[in-house]
């Protein structure tokens, strides 16, 4: 059982930056991929960004491309989401997912269905 813990959320003004962290309880070298999703009140959870184990494939949603950067530090079992030029529409609870079993295509990491473990989420609020 992999435990996943997000941190780094908070309140920030529009145009500001935040960095989210996601720590996994097991060696992330054993994970296939890790991803960030978000859910705003009254909306479905949506994909934000994902990264494969070797960081050889990285995916972003169109809404965050060019503003957010996902990265990982396997030595620290951690994946990061650097968020810049934040907008009010980025306000949501951000969830980190871990894919721990082999996957046929890395592009499937863009879909929450393919993740094995999830964290409890961290709230990001962007004030305008």
Foldseek 3Di string as FASTA:
>chain_A
DKAKAKDWADEEAAQAKTKMKIAIPDQLLQFQKKFKWWDDPPGDIFGAKMAGNVRPDIDGDPVQPPFWDWDDDRVRRMIMIIGGNDDQVVWTWMKMFIQRDDDPDPVCVRPPVRGDDMHPTDTHGYHD
